[in-house]
Amino acid sequence: MVSPNAADLETLETLSDGKARNALALRLAESKTPRLAEVLIRMIGRPDLRNDRGTLVHALGHYDCSDHLNFLVDLVIDGGWEVAHEAFQIIDLIETVEGDDAERALASTTMALSKVDIEDWRRELFEDILDMFE
């Protein structure tokens, strides 16, 4: 027998209706459903959801994402306005980052900031991320 939480996670991954998917993701996140963070990360990475993942990133913020710093930095680099800002808010909540994860995040952000054709709002997010490493 599948537990209600497991069934909800399966449903979340298969829902095609964006409003229903977002509502379920938020409900599960607010109730701290176990294993939801992994499901959200997988869904956020799906190409078919590329233009409909802001709420999923927001839901991810209900969890400790300290082990997912570089995933979040990549969302700031490549995501649209909503996704980038939601990812930045989660990064801002991470208290300590050290070692290889910190070095990779710093290198990725520095490289992204060196591009000349980036939006002003994204440049500001990059600069704020770099400030976190000072």
N, C-alpha and C. Protein backbone atom coordinates (compact mmCIF):
# COMPACT_ATOMS: atom_id res chain seq x y z
N MET A 1 0.84 -1.19 0.00
CA MET A 1 0.00 0.00 0.00
C MET A 1 0.89 1.25 0.00
N VAL A 2 0.52 2.22 -0.80
CA VAL A 2 1.28 3.46 -0.92
C VAL A 2 0.77 4.44 0.14
N SER A 3 1.70 5.06 0.88
CA SER A 3 1.29 6.03 1.90
C SER A 3 0.71 7.27 1.24
N PRO A 4 -0.14 8.01 1.97
CA PRO A 4 -0.71 9.23 1.38
C PRO A 4 0.35 10.20 0.88
N ASN A 5 1.44 10.37 1.63
CA ASN A 5 2.50 11.28 1.19
C ASN A 5 3.16 10.79 -0.08
N ALA A 6 3.43 9.49 -0.17
CA ALA A 6 4.05 8.93 -1.37
C ALA A 6 3.11 9.08 -2.56
N ALA A 7 1.83 8.87 -2.34
CA ALA A 7 0.85 9.04 -3.41
C ALA A 7 0.80 10.49 -3.87
N ASP A 8 0.85 11.42 -2.91
CA ASP A 8 0.85 12.84 -3.26
C ASP A 8 2.09 13.22 -4.06
N LEU A 9 3.23 12.65 -3.70
CA LEU A 9 4.47 12.93 -4.44
C LEU A 9 4.39 12.40 -5.86
N GLU A 10 3.83 11.21 -6.02
CA GLU A 10 3.65 10.65 -7.36
C GLU A 10 2.70 11.51 -8.17
N THR A 11 1.61 11.93 -7.53
CA THR A 11 0.63 12.79 -8.21
C THR A 11 1.29 14.10 -8.63
N LEU A 12 2.07 14.69 -7.74
CA LEU A 12 2.74 15.96 -8.03
C LEU A 12 3.58 15.85 -9.29
N GLU A 13 4.32 14.78 -9.42
CA GLU A 13 5.21 14.62 -10.57
C GLU A 13 4.46 14.38 -11.87
N THR A 14 3.24 13.92 -11.79
CA THR A 14 2.51 13.57 -13.02
C THR A 14 1.43 14.57 -13.40
N LEU A 15 1.12 15.51 -12.53
CA LEU A 15 0.08 16.49 -12.85
C LEU A 15 0.48 17.34 -14.05
N SER A 16 -0.44 17.48 -14.98
CA SER A 16 -0.16 18.33 -16.14
C SER A 16 -0.76 19.73 -15.96
N ASP A 17 -1.73 19.87 -15.09
CA ASP A 17 -2.36 21.16 -14.83
C ASP A 17 -1.46 21.98 -13.90
N GLY A 18 -0.94 23.09 -14.41
CA GLY A 18 0.01 23.89 -13.65
C GLY A 18 -0.54 24.43 -12.35
N LYS A 19 -1.79 24.91 -12.35
CA LYS A 19 -2.37 25.46 -11.12
C LYS A 19 -2.51 24.37 -10.06
N ALA A 20 -2.99 23.21 -10.47
CA ALA A 20 -3.16 22.10 -9.52
C ALA A 20 -1.80 21.63 -9.01
N ARG A 21 -0.81 21.57 -9.90
CA ARG A 21 0.53 21.14 -9.51
C ARG A 21 1.13 22.11 -8.50
N ASN A 22 1.00 23.41 -8.77
CA ASN A 22 1.56 24.41 -7.86
C ASN A 22 0.86 24.39 -6.51
N ALA A 23 -0.46 24.25 -6.52
CA ALA A 23 -1.21 24.20 -5.26
C ALA A 23 -0.80 22.99 -4.43
N LEU A 24 -0.64 21.85 -5.07
CA LEU A 24 -0.23 20.64 -4.36
C LEU A 24 1.20 20.79 -3.84
N ALA A 25 2.09 21.35 -4.65
CA ALA A 25 3.48 21.55 -4.22
C ALA A 25 3.54 22.44 -2.98
N LEU A 26 2.77 23.51 -2.97
CA LEU A 26 2.76 24.41 -1.81
C LEU A 26 2.17 23.74 -0.58
N ARG A 27 1.09 22.99 -0.77
CA ARG A 27 0.47 22.29 0.36
C ARG A 27 1.45 21.29 0.97
N LEU A 28 2.11 20.52 0.12
CA LEU A 28 3.08 19.53 0.60
C LEU A 28 4.28 20.20 1.28
N ALA A 29 4.73 21.33 0.72
CA ALA A 29 5.87 22.04 1.30
C ALA A 29 5.52 22.62 2.66
N GLU A 30 4.33 23.20 2.76
CA GLU A 30 3.92 23.80 4.02
C GLU A 30 3.75 22.76 5.12
N SER A 31 3.44 21.52 4.73
CA SER A 31 3.32 20.45 5.73
C SER A 31 4.62 19.67 5.88
N LYS A 32 5.70 20.17 5.26
CA LYS A 32 7.04 19.56 5.36
C LYS A 32 7.03 18.07 5.00
N THR A 33 6.39 17.74 3.91
CA THR A 33 6.31 16.36 3.45
C THR A 33 7.71 15.80 3.21
N PRO A 34 8.04 14.67 3.83
CA PRO A 34 9.35 14.05 3.60
C PRO A 34 9.56 13.72 2.12
N ARG A 35 10.78 13.85 1.65
CA ARG A 35 11.21 13.55 0.29
C ARG A 35 10.70 14.56 -0.75
N LEU A 36 9.95 15.56 -0.33
CA LEU A 36 9.45 16.53 -1.30
C LEU A 36 10.58 17.33 -1.94
N ALA A 37 11.60 17.69 -1.17
CA ALA A 37 12.70 18.50 -1.73
C ALA A 37 13.33 17.80 -2.92
N GLU A 38 13.57 16.50 -2.82
CA GLU A 38 14.18 15.75 -3.93
C GLU A 38 13.26 15.74 -5.14
N VAL A 39 11.96 15.58 -4.89
CA VAL A 39 10.99 15.59 -5.99
C VAL A 39 10.96 16.96 -6.65
N LEU A 40 10.96 18.02 -5.85
CA LEU A 40 10.94 19.38 -6.41
C LEU A 40 12.19 19.65 -7.24
N ILE A 41 13.34 19.25 -6.75
CA ILE A 41 14.58 19.46 -7.50
C ILE A 41 14.51 18.74 -8.84
N ARG A 42 14.01 17.53 -8.83
CA ARG A 42 13.87 16.77 -10.07
C ARG A 42 12.90 17.48 -11.03
N MET A 43 11.79 17.96 -10.48
CA MET A 43 10.79 18.64 -11.32
C MET A 43 11.31 19.97 -11.86
N ILE A 44 12.00 20.72 -11.03
CA ILE A 44 12.55 22.02 -11.46
C ILE A 44 13.51 21.83 -12.62
N GLY A 45 14.19 20.70 -12.66
CA GLY A 45 15.13 20.41 -13.74
C GLY A 45 14.50 19.88 -15.01
N ARG A 46 13.20 19.61 -14.97
CA ARG A 46 12.54 19.05 -16.16
C ARG A 46 12.38 20.11 -17.26
N PRO A 47 12.82 19.80 -18.47
CA PRO A 47 12.69 20.76 -19.57
C PRO A 47 11.24 21.17 -19.85
N ASP A 48 10.29 20.26 -19.67
CA ASP A 48 8.89 20.59 -19.96
C ASP A 48 8.30 21.58 -18.95
N LEU A 49 8.96 21.77 -17.83
CA LEU A 49 8.47 22.72 -16.82
C LEU A 49 9.31 23.99 -16.76
N ARG A 50 10.20 24.16 -17.71
CA ARG A 50 11.13 25.29 -17.69
C ARG A 50 10.42 26.64 -17.52
N ASN A 51 9.26 26.79 -18.12
CA ASN A 51 8.55 28.07 -18.04
C ASN A 51 7.46 28.09 -16.98
N ASP A 52 7.46 27.08 -16.11
CA ASP A 52 6.40 26.98 -15.10
C ASP A 52 6.96 26.39 -13.81
N ARG A 53 8.05 26.98 -13.31
CA ARG A 53 8.68 26.38 -12.14
C ARG A 53 8.93 27.34 -10.98
N GLY A 54 8.49 28.58 -11.10
CA GLY A 54 8.70 29.55 -10.03
C GLY A 54 8.10 29.11 -8.71
N THR A 55 6.88 28.61 -8.74
CA THR A 55 6.22 28.15 -7.52
C THR A 55 6.92 26.92 -6.96
N LEU A 56 7.44 26.07 -7.84
CA LEU A 56 8.17 24.89 -7.37
C LEU A 56 9.44 25.30 -6.63
N VAL A 57 10.13 26.32 -7.14
CA VAL A 57 11.33 26.82 -6.47
C VAL A 57 10.93 27.45 -5.13
N HIS A 58 9.83 28.19 -5.12
CA HIS A 58 9.34 28.77 -3.87
C HIS A 58 9.05 27.67 -2.85
N ALA A 59 8.40 26.60 -3.28
CA ALA A 59 8.09 25.48 -2.38
C ALA A 59 9.37 24.85 -1.84
N LEU A 60 10.40 24.78 -2.66
CA LEU A 60 11.68 24.23 -2.23
C LEU A 60 12.26 25.02 -1.06
N GLY A 61 11.94 26.30 -1.00
CA GLY A 61 12.43 27.15 0.07
C GLY A 61 11.94 26.78 1.46
N HIS A 62 10.96 25.90 1.56
CA HIS A 62 10.48 25.43 2.85
C HIS A 62 11.43 24.40 3.48
N TYR A 63 12.47 24.03 2.74
CA TYR A 63 13.39 22.98 3.19
C TYR A 63 14.80 23.53 3.32
N ASP A 64 15.62 22.83 4.08
CA ASP A 64 17.04 23.17 4.19
C ASP A 64 17.70 22.82 2.86
N CYS A 65 18.19 23.81 2.17
CA CYS A 65 18.78 23.60 0.85
C CYS A 65 20.29 23.79 0.85
N SER A 66 20.90 23.71 2.01
CA SER A 66 22.34 23.94 2.09
C SER A 66 23.14 22.96 1.25
N ASP A 67 22.61 21.78 1.01
CA ASP A 67 23.30 20.80 0.16
C ASP A 67 23.04 21.02 -1.33
N HIS A 68 22.25 22.03 -1.65
CA HIS A 68 21.87 22.27 -3.04
C HIS A 68 22.27 23.66 -3.52
N LEU A 69 23.31 24.22 -2.91
CA LEU A 69 23.74 25.58 -3.24
C LEU A 69 23.99 25.76 -4.73
N ASN A 70 24.73 24.86 -5.33
CA ASN A 70 25.10 25.04 -6.73
C ASN A 70 23.91 24.89 -7.66
N PHE A 71 22.98 24.03 -7.31
CA PHE A 71 21.73 23.93 -8.07
C PHE A 71 21.01 25.28 -8.04
N LEU A 72 20.95 25.89 -6.87
CA LEU A 72 20.29 27.19 -6.72
C LEU A 72 21.03 28.29 -7.46
N VAL A 73 22.35 28.29 -7.39
CA VAL A 73 23.14 29.28 -8.13
C VAL A 73 22.88 29.13 -9.63
N ASP A 74 22.81 27.90 -10.10
CA ASP A 74 22.50 27.68 -11.52
C ASP A 74 21.13 28.24 -11.89
N LEU A 75 20.17 28.16 -10.97
CA LEU A 75 18.85 28.73 -11.23
C LEU A 75 18.91 30.25 -11.31
N VAL A 76 19.74 30.87 -10.48
CA VAL A 76 19.91 32.33 -10.55
C VAL A 76 20.56 32.69 -11.88
N ILE A 77 21.49 31.89 -12.33
CA ILE A 77 22.21 32.17 -13.57
C ILE A 77 21.30 31.97 -14.79
N ASP A 78 20.54 30.89 -14.80
CA ASP A 78 19.80 30.51 -16.01
C ASP A 78 18.29 30.70 -15.94
N GLY A 79 17.75 30.92 -14.76
CA GLY A 79 16.30 31.01 -14.61
C GLY A 79 15.75 32.35 -15.04
N GLY A 80 14.46 32.38 -15.24
CA GLY A 80 13.77 33.64 -15.49
C GLY A 80 13.74 34.48 -14.22
N TRP A 81 13.09 35.64 -14.31
CA TRP A 81 13.08 36.57 -13.19
C TRP A 81 12.57 35.92 -11.91
N GLU A 82 11.40 35.29 -11.96
CA GLU A 82 10.80 34.70 -10.76
C GLU A 82 11.65 33.57 -10.20
N VAL A 83 12.09 32.67 -11.06
CA VAL A 83 12.91 31.54 -10.62
C VAL A 83 14.21 32.03 -10.00
N ALA A 84 14.87 32.98 -10.66
CA ALA A 84 16.14 33.50 -10.16
C ALA A 84 15.97 34.16 -8.79
N HIS A 85 14.92 34.94 -8.63
CA HIS A 85 14.70 35.61 -7.35
C HIS A 85 14.31 34.63 -6.24
N GLU A 86 13.48 33.65 -6.57
CA GLU A 86 13.12 32.63 -5.57
C GLU A 86 14.37 31.85 -5.15
N ALA A 87 15.20 31.48 -6.12
CA ALA A 87 16.43 30.74 -5.81
C ALA A 87 17.36 31.60 -4.96
N PHE A 88 17.47 32.89 -5.29
CA PHE A 88 18.32 33.77 -4.50
C PHE A 88 17.84 33.85 -3.05
N GLN A 89 16.53 33.94 -2.86
CA GLN A 89 16.00 34.00 -1.49
C GLN A 89 16.37 32.76 -0.69
N ILE A 90 16.37 31.61 -1.34
CA ILE A 90 16.76 30.38 -0.65
C ILE A 90 18.25 30.41 -0.33
N ILE A 91 19.06 30.86 -1.29
CA ILE A 91 20.51 30.97 -1.06
C ILE A 91 20.77 31.88 0.14
N ASP A 92 20.04 32.96 0.22
CA ASP A 92 20.22 33.94 1.29
C ASP A 92 19.95 33.34 2.67
N LEU A 93 19.16 32.27 2.72
CA LEU A 93 18.84 31.61 3.99
C LEU A 93 19.91 30.61 4.44
N ILE A 94 20.79 30.24 3.52
CA ILE A 94 21.83 29.27 3.85
C ILE A 94 22.87 29.96 4.72
N GLU A 95 23.07 29.41 5.91
CA GLU A 95 23.94 30.08 6.89
C GLU A 95 25.42 29.89 6.62
N THR A 96 25.84 28.68 6.29
CA THR A 96 27.26 28.41 6.12
C THR A 96 27.50 27.60 4.85
N VAL A 97 28.45 28.07 4.06
CA VAL A 97 28.86 27.34 2.87
C VAL A 97 30.37 27.32 2.87
N GLU A 98 30.92 26.11 2.73
CA GLU A 98 32.37 25.98 2.76
C GLU A 98 32.81 24.96 1.73
N GLY A 99 34.11 24.91 1.51
CA GLY A 99 34.70 23.86 0.70
C GLY A 99 34.39 23.95 -0.78
N ASP A 100 34.31 22.78 -1.41
CA ASP A 100 34.12 22.70 -2.86
C ASP A 100 32.83 23.36 -3.32
N ASP A 101 31.75 23.21 -2.55
CA ASP A 101 30.49 23.84 -2.94
C ASP A 101 30.63 25.35 -3.00
N ALA A 102 31.28 25.92 -2.02
CA ALA A 102 31.47 27.37 -2.00
C ALA A 102 32.35 27.82 -3.16
N GLU A 103 33.42 27.09 -3.40
CA GLU A 103 34.32 27.44 -4.50
C GLU A 103 33.62 27.37 -5.85
N ARG A 104 32.84 26.32 -6.05
CA ARG A 104 32.13 26.17 -7.32
C ARG A 104 31.07 27.28 -7.48
N ALA A 105 30.33 27.57 -6.42
CA ALA A 105 29.32 28.62 -6.49
C ALA A 105 29.96 29.97 -6.79
N LEU A 106 31.07 30.24 -6.15
CA LEU A 106 31.79 31.49 -6.37
C LEU A 106 32.29 31.58 -7.81
N ALA A 107 32.87 30.49 -8.31
CA ALA A 107 33.38 30.48 -9.68
C ALA A 107 32.26 30.64 -10.70
N SER A 108 31.15 29.94 -10.50
CA SER A 108 30.01 30.03 -11.43
C SER A 108 29.45 31.44 -11.46
N THR A 109 29.30 32.03 -10.28
CA THR A 109 28.74 33.38 -10.20
C THR A 109 29.69 34.40 -10.81
N THR A 110 30.96 34.27 -10.54
CA THR A 110 31.96 35.20 -11.10
C THR A 110 31.96 35.11 -12.62
N MET A 111 31.91 33.89 -13.15
CA MET A 111 31.90 33.72 -14.60
C MET A 111 30.63 34.32 -15.20
N ALA A 112 29.50 34.08 -14.56
CA ALA A 112 28.23 34.62 -15.07
C ALA A 112 28.23 36.15 -15.03
N LEU A 113 28.82 36.72 -14.00
CA LEU A 113 28.88 38.17 -13.86
C LEU A 113 29.76 38.81 -14.93
N SER A 114 30.71 38.05 -15.46
CA SER A 114 31.63 38.60 -16.46
C SER A 114 30.98 38.77 -17.83
N LYS A 115 29.81 38.19 -18.03
CA LYS A 115 29.11 38.36 -19.31
C LYS A 115 28.62 39.79 -19.42
N VAL A 116 28.71 40.33 -20.61
CA VAL A 116 28.34 41.73 -20.80
C VAL A 116 26.86 41.92 -21.10
N ASP A 117 26.19 40.88 -21.55
CA ASP A 117 24.80 41.03 -22.00
C ASP A 117 23.79 40.45 -21.02
N ILE A 118 24.00 40.69 -19.72
CA ILE A 118 23.04 40.19 -18.74
C ILE A 118 22.15 41.32 -18.24
N GLU A 119 20.96 40.94 -17.81
CA GLU A 119 20.00 41.92 -17.33
C GLU A 119 20.52 42.58 -16.05
N ASP A 120 20.12 43.83 -15.83
CA ASP A 120 20.56 44.56 -14.64
C ASP A 120 20.12 43.84 -13.36
N TRP A 121 18.88 43.35 -13.34
CA TRP A 121 18.38 42.67 -12.14
C TRP A 121 19.18 41.41 -11.84
N ARG A 122 19.59 40.70 -12.90
CA ARG A 122 20.37 39.48 -12.70
C ARG A 122 21.79 39.83 -12.21
N ARG A 123 22.36 40.90 -12.77
CA ARG A 123 23.68 41.36 -12.34
C ARG A 123 23.65 41.68 -10.84
N GLU A 124 22.57 42.33 -10.39
CA GLU A 124 22.45 42.65 -8.96
C GLU A 124 22.39 41.39 -8.11
N LEU A 125 21.68 40.37 -8.58
CA LEU A 125 21.63 39.10 -7.84
C LEU A 125 23.01 38.47 -7.75
N PHE A 126 23.74 38.49 -8.87
CA PHE A 126 25.10 37.94 -8.87
C PHE A 126 25.98 38.67 -7.86
N GLU A 127 25.90 39.99 -7.87
CA GLU A 127 26.71 40.78 -6.94
C GLU A 127 26.34 40.48 -5.50
N ASP A 128 25.04 40.29 -5.24
CA ASP A 128 24.61 39.95 -3.88
C ASP A 128 25.12 38.58 -3.46
N ILE A 129 25.14 37.64 -4.39
CA ILE A 129 25.69 36.32 -4.07
C ILE A 129 27.18 36.44 -3.75
N LEU A 130 27.90 37.19 -4.57
CA LEU A 130 29.34 37.36 -4.31
C LEU A 130 29.59 38.02 -2.96
N ASP A 131 28.73 38.96 -2.58
CA ASP A 131 28.86 39.61 -1.27
C ASP A 131 28.74 38.60 -0.13
N MET A 132 27.98 37.55 -0.34
CA MET A 132 27.80 36.52 0.69
C MET A 132 29.10 35.77 0.98
N PHE A 133 30.00 35.77 0.01
CA PHE A 133 31.25 35.03 0.15
C PHE A 133 32.38 35.88 0.73
N GLU A 134 32.12 37.14 0.99
CA GLU A 134 33.17 38.02 1.54
C GLU A 134 33.30 37.85 3.03
